[in-house]
Amino acid sequence: IHLELDVSELNGDIRAGDHIAIYPRNDTNAVTEI
């Protein structure tokens, strides 16, 4: 399963607590937040 990692909100700086959403390419309605 191919997953796209949306890091547009992180401005290149990943910190604990930042919002990270994974959108499966085959189902844009399914969002997994980690």
C-alpha atoms as a PDB file:
ATOM      1  CA  ILE A   1       0.000   0.000   0.000  1.00  0.00           C
ATOM      2  CA  HIS A   2       1.428   3.342  -1.050  1.00  0.00           C
ATOM      3  CA  LEU A   3       1.043   6.117   1.508  1.00  0.00           C
ATOM      4  CA  GLU A   4       1.542   9.824   0.980  1.00  0.00           C
ATOM      5  CA  LEU A   5       2.971  11.742   3.899  1.00  0.00           C
ATOM      6  CA  ASP A   6       1.635  15.279   4.145  1.00  0.00           C
ATOM      7  CA  VAL A   7       4.297  17.416   5.787  1.00  0.00           C
ATOM      8  CA  SER A   8       3.285  20.749   4.254  1.00  0.00           C
ATOM      9  CA  GLU A   9       2.432  22.096   7.711  1.00  0.00           C
ATOM     10  CA  LEU A  10       5.786  21.186   9.222  1.00  0.00           C
ATOM     11  CA  ASN A  11       7.880  23.652   7.192  1.00  0.00           C
ATOM     12  CA  GLY A  12      10.659  21.081   7.015  1.00  0.00           C
ATOM     13  CA  ASP A  13      10.915  20.863  10.794  1.00  0.00           C
ATOM     14  CA  ILE A  14       9.454  17.756  12.389  1.00  0.00           C
ATOM     15  CA  ARG A  15       8.809  17.969  16.114  1.00  0.00           C
ATOM     16  CA  ALA A  16       6.956  15.768  18.558  1.00  0.00           C
ATOM     17  CA  GLY A  17       3.330  16.827  18.662  1.00  0.00           C
ATOM     18  CA  ASP A  18       3.205  18.132  15.103  1.00  0.00           C
ATOM     19  CA  HIS A  19       0.202  17.065  13.064  1.00  0.00           C
ATOM     20  CA  ILE A  20       1.090  14.317  10.607  1.00  0.00           C
ATOM     21  CA  ALA A  21      -1.591  12.862   8.358  1.00  0.00           C
ATOM     22  CA  ILE A  22      -1.189   9.808   6.144  1.00  0.00           C
ATOM     23  CA  TYR A  23      -3.488   9.633   3.140  1.00  0.00           C
ATOM     24  CA  PRO A  24      -3.751   6.252   1.381  1.00  0.00           C
ATOM     25  CA  ARG A  25      -3.569   6.898  -2.376  1.00  0.00           C
ATOM     26  CA  ASN A  26      -6.362   4.407  -3.061  1.00  0.00           C
ATOM     27  CA  ASP A  27      -8.806   6.030  -0.621  1.00  0.00           C
ATOM     28  CA  THR A  28      -8.539   9.761   0.020  1.00  0.00           C
ATOM     29  CA  ASN A  29     -11.410   9.562   2.510  1.00  0.00           C
ATOM     30  CA  ALA A  30      -9.368   7.461   4.904  1.00  0.00           C
ATOM     31  CA  VAL A  31      -6.986   9.509   7.021  1.00  0.00           C
ATOM     32  CA  THR A  32      -4.718   8.109   9.693  1.00  0.00           C
ATOM     33  CA  GLU A  33      -3.344  10.623  12.180  1.00  0.00           C
ATOM     34  CA  ILE A  34      -0.205   9.670  14.065  1.00  0.00           C
END
